[in-house]
N, C-alpha and C. Protein backbone atom coordinates (compact mmCIF):
# COMPACT_ATOMS: atom_id res chain seq x y z
N UNK A 1 53.64 1.43 6.45
CA UNK A 1 52.52 0.51 5.98
C UNK A 1 52.31 0.67 4.47
N UNK A 2 52.23 1.98 4.01
CA UNK A 2 51.94 2.24 2.62
C UNK A 2 52.98 1.55 1.70
N UNK A 3 54.18 1.44 2.13
CA UNK A 3 55.24 0.83 1.34
C UNK A 3 54.99 -0.68 1.13
N UNK A 4 54.37 -1.33 2.12
CA UNK A 4 54.07 -2.74 1.99
C UNK A 4 53.05 -2.90 0.75
N UNK A 5 52.08 -2.03 0.65
CA UNK A 5 51.10 -2.08 -0.39
C UNK A 5 51.74 -1.68 -1.72
N UNK A 6 52.74 -0.83 -1.71
CA UNK A 6 53.42 -0.50 -2.93
C UNK A 6 53.35 0.96 -3.35
N UNK A 7 52.49 1.69 -2.72
CA UNK A 7 52.47 3.14 -3.13
C UNK A 7 51.64 3.34 -4.37
N UNK A 8 51.23 4.65 -4.58
CA UNK A 8 50.38 5.00 -5.67
C UNK A 8 50.97 4.70 -7.09
N UNK A 9 52.30 4.64 -7.23
CA UNK A 9 52.93 4.41 -8.48
C UNK A 9 52.70 3.04 -8.98
N UNK A 10 52.52 2.08 -8.09
CA UNK A 10 52.36 0.69 -8.48
C UNK A 10 51.09 -0.03 -8.01
N UNK A 11 50.33 0.64 -7.14
CA UNK A 11 49.15 0.00 -6.65
C UNK A 11 47.96 0.98 -6.58
N UNK A 12 46.85 0.48 -6.91
CA UNK A 12 45.63 1.27 -6.87
C UNK A 12 44.70 0.59 -5.85
N UNK A 13 44.19 1.28 -4.85
CA UNK A 13 43.33 0.69 -3.83
C UNK A 13 41.92 1.36 -3.98
N UNK A 14 41.01 0.49 -4.35
CA UNK A 14 39.60 0.91 -4.49
C UNK A 14 38.76 0.32 -3.35
N UNK A 15 37.86 1.08 -2.80
CA UNK A 15 36.93 0.61 -1.77
C UNK A 15 35.56 0.41 -2.48
N UNK A 16 34.90 -0.65 -2.13
CA UNK A 16 33.62 -0.89 -2.71
C UNK A 16 32.53 -0.73 -1.62
N UNK A 17 31.51 0.10 -2.01
CA UNK A 17 30.40 0.36 -1.08
C UNK A 17 29.10 0.05 -1.80
N UNK A 18 28.14 -0.36 -1.09
CA UNK A 18 26.76 -0.52 -1.61
C UNK A 18 25.94 0.66 -1.09
N UNK A 19 24.89 1.05 -1.76
CA UNK A 19 24.09 2.17 -1.32
C UNK A 19 23.14 1.86 -0.13
N UNK A 20 23.75 1.53 0.95
CA UNK A 20 23.04 1.19 2.17
C UNK A 20 23.65 2.05 3.30
N UNK A 21 22.83 2.49 4.23
CA UNK A 21 23.30 3.45 5.28
C UNK A 21 24.52 2.89 6.06
N UNK A 22 24.38 1.63 6.53
CA UNK A 22 25.42 1.01 7.32
C UNK A 22 26.76 0.93 6.49
N UNK A 23 26.63 0.56 5.22
CA UNK A 23 27.86 0.44 4.39
C UNK A 23 28.50 1.84 4.22
N UNK A 24 27.75 2.87 4.14
CA UNK A 24 28.22 4.22 3.99
C UNK A 24 29.02 4.59 5.26
N UNK A 25 28.43 4.25 6.38
CA UNK A 25 29.06 4.61 7.70
C UNK A 25 30.39 3.84 7.78
N UNK A 26 30.36 2.56 7.42
CA UNK A 26 31.56 1.67 7.41
C UNK A 26 32.69 2.24 6.50
N UNK A 27 32.27 2.76 5.36
CA UNK A 27 33.13 3.37 4.43
C UNK A 27 33.90 4.57 5.01
N UNK A 28 33.12 5.44 5.69
CA UNK A 28 33.72 6.55 6.29
C UNK A 28 34.74 6.18 7.35
N UNK A 29 34.46 5.18 8.20
CA UNK A 29 35.39 4.63 9.12
C UNK A 29 36.67 4.07 8.43
N UNK A 30 36.44 3.28 7.44
CA UNK A 30 37.59 2.62 6.74
C UNK A 30 38.48 3.74 6.14
N UNK A 31 37.90 4.71 5.55
CA UNK A 31 38.77 5.81 4.94
C UNK A 31 39.62 6.45 5.98
N UNK A 32 39.02 6.76 7.14
CA UNK A 32 39.79 7.39 8.22
C UNK A 32 40.92 6.43 8.74
N UNK A 33 40.58 5.18 8.79
CA UNK A 33 41.62 4.20 9.26
C UNK A 33 42.75 4.06 8.21
N UNK A 34 42.41 4.00 6.95
CA UNK A 34 43.48 4.00 5.99
C UNK A 34 44.37 5.18 6.04
N UNK A 35 43.77 6.35 6.24
CA UNK A 35 44.52 7.61 6.26
C UNK A 35 45.44 7.62 7.48
N UNK A 36 45.04 6.95 8.60
CA UNK A 36 45.93 6.92 9.69
C UNK A 36 47.26 6.24 9.39
N UNK A 37 47.18 5.34 8.49
CA UNK A 37 48.46 4.65 8.07
C UNK A 37 49.00 5.20 6.77
N UNK A 38 48.57 6.35 6.42
CA UNK A 38 49.15 7.02 5.24
C UNK A 38 48.68 6.41 3.87
N UNK A 39 47.59 5.68 3.91
CA UNK A 39 47.12 5.07 2.64
C UNK A 39 45.90 5.85 2.12
N UNK A 40 46.04 6.36 0.97
CA UNK A 40 44.96 7.04 0.30
C UNK A 40 44.29 6.17 -0.73
N UNK A 41 42.99 6.14 -0.79
CA UNK A 41 42.21 5.44 -1.75
C UNK A 41 42.41 5.97 -3.15
N UNK A 42 42.43 5.11 -4.14
CA UNK A 42 42.41 5.59 -5.55
C UNK A 42 41.01 5.94 -5.94
N UNK A 43 40.05 5.34 -5.27
CA UNK A 43 38.66 5.62 -5.55
C UNK A 43 37.71 4.69 -4.86
N UNK A 44 36.43 5.03 -5.08
CA UNK A 44 35.32 4.22 -4.47
C UNK A 44 34.40 3.71 -5.61
N UNK A 45 34.10 2.43 -5.53
CA UNK A 45 33.15 1.91 -6.54
C UNK A 45 31.82 1.63 -5.78
N UNK A 46 30.76 2.14 -6.36
CA UNK A 46 29.46 1.90 -5.79
C UNK A 46 28.91 0.77 -6.53
N UNK A 47 28.53 -0.29 -5.75
CA UNK A 47 28.08 -1.57 -6.30
C UNK A 47 26.63 -1.83 -5.96
N UNK A 48 25.95 -2.66 -6.81
CA UNK A 48 24.61 -3.16 -6.59
C UNK A 48 23.56 -1.99 -6.69
N UNK A 49 23.72 -1.14 -7.62
CA UNK A 49 22.83 0.01 -7.80
C UNK A 49 21.64 -0.37 -8.67
N UNK A 50 20.43 -0.26 -8.13
CA UNK A 50 19.27 -0.49 -8.96
C UNK A 50 19.03 0.57 -9.97
N UNK A 51 18.65 0.34 -11.17
CA UNK A 51 18.39 1.34 -12.19
C UNK A 51 17.18 2.18 -11.79
N UNK A 52 17.30 3.51 -11.96
CA UNK A 52 16.17 4.40 -11.66
C UNK A 52 14.94 4.11 -12.51
N UNK A 53 15.12 3.57 -13.64
CA UNK A 53 14.03 3.28 -14.49
C UNK A 53 12.96 2.36 -13.91
N UNK A 54 13.40 1.60 -12.91
CA UNK A 54 12.41 0.68 -12.31
C UNK A 54 11.27 1.45 -11.65
N UNK A 55 11.52 2.68 -11.23
CA UNK A 55 10.43 3.45 -10.60
C UNK A 55 9.32 3.77 -11.60
N UNK A 56 9.57 3.74 -12.86
CA UNK A 56 8.53 4.10 -13.84
C UNK A 56 7.93 2.94 -14.54
N UNK A 57 8.30 1.67 -14.18
CA UNK A 57 7.77 0.46 -14.76
C UNK A 57 6.55 0.03 -13.93
N UNK A 58 5.35 -0.02 -14.58
CA UNK A 58 4.20 -0.41 -13.80
C UNK A 58 4.27 -1.93 -13.41
N UNK A 59 5.13 -2.77 -13.93
CA UNK A 59 5.21 -4.13 -13.58
C UNK A 59 6.16 -4.35 -12.45
N UNK A 60 6.80 -3.34 -11.92
CA UNK A 60 7.81 -3.48 -10.80
C UNK A 60 7.00 -3.42 -9.47
N UNK A 61 7.17 -4.39 -8.59
CA UNK A 61 6.46 -4.32 -7.32
C UNK A 61 6.87 -3.13 -6.55
N UNK A 62 5.92 -2.69 -5.68
CA UNK A 62 6.14 -1.51 -4.89
C UNK A 62 7.29 -1.65 -3.92
N UNK A 63 7.48 -2.91 -3.43
CA UNK A 63 8.67 -3.15 -2.50
C UNK A 63 10.01 -2.79 -3.20
N UNK A 64 10.12 -3.21 -4.47
CA UNK A 64 11.35 -2.91 -5.17
C UNK A 64 11.47 -1.44 -5.47
N UNK A 65 10.36 -0.76 -5.79
CA UNK A 65 10.38 0.66 -6.04
C UNK A 65 10.88 1.37 -4.67
N UNK A 66 10.38 0.89 -3.62
CA UNK A 66 10.80 1.45 -2.31
C UNK A 66 12.31 1.38 -2.15
N UNK A 67 12.86 0.19 -2.46
CA UNK A 67 14.30 -0.02 -2.38
C UNK A 67 15.00 0.92 -3.33
N UNK A 68 14.50 1.11 -4.50
CA UNK A 68 15.14 2.07 -5.44
C UNK A 68 15.17 3.47 -4.88
N UNK A 69 14.06 3.91 -4.33
CA UNK A 69 13.99 5.26 -3.73
C UNK A 69 14.96 5.36 -2.54
N UNK A 70 15.04 4.37 -1.69
CA UNK A 70 16.02 4.35 -0.61
C UNK A 70 17.41 4.45 -1.17
N UNK A 71 17.68 3.66 -2.18
CA UNK A 71 19.04 3.73 -2.77
C UNK A 71 19.37 5.11 -3.33
N UNK A 72 18.37 5.68 -3.99
CA UNK A 72 18.67 6.96 -4.58
C UNK A 72 19.01 8.05 -3.43
N UNK A 73 18.31 7.90 -2.32
CA UNK A 73 18.63 8.82 -1.19
C UNK A 73 20.09 8.48 -0.68
N UNK A 74 20.41 7.26 -0.61
CA UNK A 74 21.73 6.86 -0.17
C UNK A 74 22.79 7.26 -1.15
N UNK A 75 22.48 7.22 -2.49
CA UNK A 75 23.42 7.64 -3.49
C UNK A 75 23.70 9.11 -3.34
N UNK A 76 22.76 9.81 -2.98
CA UNK A 76 22.94 11.30 -2.73
C UNK A 76 23.94 11.51 -1.57
N UNK A 77 23.74 10.71 -0.50
CA UNK A 77 24.64 10.76 0.59
C UNK A 77 26.09 10.35 0.13
N UNK A 78 26.16 9.30 -0.62
CA UNK A 78 27.47 8.89 -1.15
C UNK A 78 28.11 9.94 -1.95
N UNK A 79 27.34 10.63 -2.83
CA UNK A 79 27.92 11.71 -3.63
C UNK A 79 28.42 12.87 -2.79
N UNK A 80 27.64 13.20 -1.69
CA UNK A 80 28.04 14.28 -0.82
C UNK A 80 29.29 13.93 0.01
N UNK A 81 29.39 12.73 0.45
CA UNK A 81 30.48 12.37 1.37
C UNK A 81 31.75 11.97 0.56
N UNK A 82 31.59 11.37 -0.59
CA UNK A 82 32.75 10.74 -1.29
C UNK A 82 32.81 11.22 -2.74
N UNK A 83 32.11 12.26 -3.09
CA UNK A 83 32.01 12.65 -4.52
C UNK A 83 33.25 12.52 -5.40
N UNK A 84 34.32 13.17 -4.92
CA UNK A 84 35.54 13.18 -5.79
C UNK A 84 36.19 11.79 -5.85
N UNK A 85 35.88 10.94 -4.85
CA UNK A 85 36.46 9.63 -4.88
C UNK A 85 35.68 8.58 -5.73
N UNK A 86 34.49 8.86 -6.10
CA UNK A 86 33.64 7.91 -6.81
C UNK A 86 34.25 7.70 -8.21
N UNK A 87 34.64 6.42 -8.46
CA UNK A 87 35.34 6.06 -9.69
C UNK A 87 34.37 5.38 -10.64
N UNK A 88 33.39 4.63 -10.14
CA UNK A 88 32.46 3.89 -10.93
C UNK A 88 31.24 3.52 -10.16
N UNK A 89 30.18 3.24 -10.91
CA UNK A 89 28.95 2.73 -10.36
C UNK A 89 28.54 1.50 -11.14
N UNK A 90 28.34 0.40 -10.41
CA UNK A 90 27.99 -0.93 -10.96
C UNK A 90 26.63 -1.23 -10.66
N UNK A 91 25.81 -1.48 -11.66
CA UNK A 91 24.39 -1.79 -11.46
C UNK A 91 24.17 -3.16 -10.78
N UNK A 92 22.98 -3.31 -10.12
CA UNK A 92 22.60 -4.63 -9.63
C UNK A 92 22.51 -5.55 -10.78
N UNK A 93 23.16 -6.72 -10.62
CA UNK A 93 23.13 -7.69 -11.68
C UNK A 93 22.24 -8.91 -11.24
N UNK A 94 21.94 -9.77 -12.16
CA UNK A 94 21.06 -10.83 -11.90
C UNK A 94 21.70 -11.94 -11.06
N UNK A 95 23.01 -11.82 -10.99
CA UNK A 95 23.74 -12.83 -10.13
C UNK A 95 25.15 -12.19 -9.80
N UNK A 96 25.84 -12.82 -8.83
CA UNK A 96 27.18 -12.34 -8.39
C UNK A 96 28.12 -12.41 -9.56
N UNK A 97 29.12 -11.53 -9.58
CA UNK A 97 30.11 -11.61 -10.64
C UNK A 97 31.13 -12.68 -10.41
N UNK A 98 30.67 -13.97 -10.61
CA UNK A 98 31.61 -15.11 -10.43
C UNK A 98 31.69 -15.74 -11.81
N UNK A 99 32.89 -16.20 -12.17
CA UNK A 99 33.10 -16.81 -13.40
C UNK A 99 33.55 -15.79 -14.44
N UNK A 100 34.13 -16.32 -15.49
CA UNK A 100 34.79 -15.35 -16.47
C UNK A 100 33.78 -14.49 -17.16
N UNK A 101 32.58 -14.98 -17.56
CA UNK A 101 31.62 -14.15 -18.27
C UNK A 101 31.23 -12.96 -17.37
N UNK A 102 30.88 -13.24 -16.10
CA UNK A 102 30.39 -12.12 -15.22
C UNK A 102 31.54 -11.19 -14.91
N UNK A 103 32.75 -11.71 -14.78
CA UNK A 103 33.86 -10.87 -14.51
C UNK A 103 34.16 -9.90 -15.70
N UNK A 104 34.04 -10.46 -16.93
CA UNK A 104 34.16 -9.62 -18.13
C UNK A 104 33.09 -8.56 -18.16
N UNK A 105 31.90 -8.94 -17.82
CA UNK A 105 30.82 -7.95 -17.79
C UNK A 105 31.04 -6.81 -16.79
N UNK A 106 31.51 -7.15 -15.65
CA UNK A 106 31.80 -6.22 -14.61
C UNK A 106 33.00 -5.31 -15.06
N UNK A 107 34.03 -5.93 -15.61
CA UNK A 107 35.20 -5.14 -16.08
C UNK A 107 34.79 -4.15 -17.19
N UNK A 108 33.86 -4.66 -18.01
CA UNK A 108 33.34 -3.68 -19.04
C UNK A 108 32.70 -2.51 -18.48
N UNK A 109 31.99 -2.67 -17.37
CA UNK A 109 31.37 -1.57 -16.64
C UNK A 109 32.37 -0.68 -15.97
N UNK A 110 33.35 -1.25 -15.38
CA UNK A 110 34.37 -0.50 -14.60
C UNK A 110 35.31 0.27 -15.55
N UNK A 111 35.64 -0.25 -16.68
CA UNK A 111 36.69 0.30 -17.59
C UNK A 111 36.06 0.95 -18.86
N UNK A 112 34.91 1.50 -18.75
CA UNK A 112 34.31 2.20 -19.94
C UNK A 112 35.13 3.40 -20.28
């Protein structure tokens, strides 16, 4: 199966996870399944991460601060489970990365 994808010399396979409990569990399962077929990930990208600074902004609603705290706890879990595989962290953006402008913005974050 790994030969179909092309192998590490010609192909990089990155898994994208969001800092949510269910997504973390799904990522663990996916990694195990990939390994069954001899496929190793090149890395994991953590997407949709709220900036920690929101916690200190008095204008940010408590609901959002609660989400940030939850994400921080989940980020710790992600670091513990996948630490060496984490290749990048992409912040929550004001919209999905669709269109050239947003794709360029996302690429700039990924390829710093």
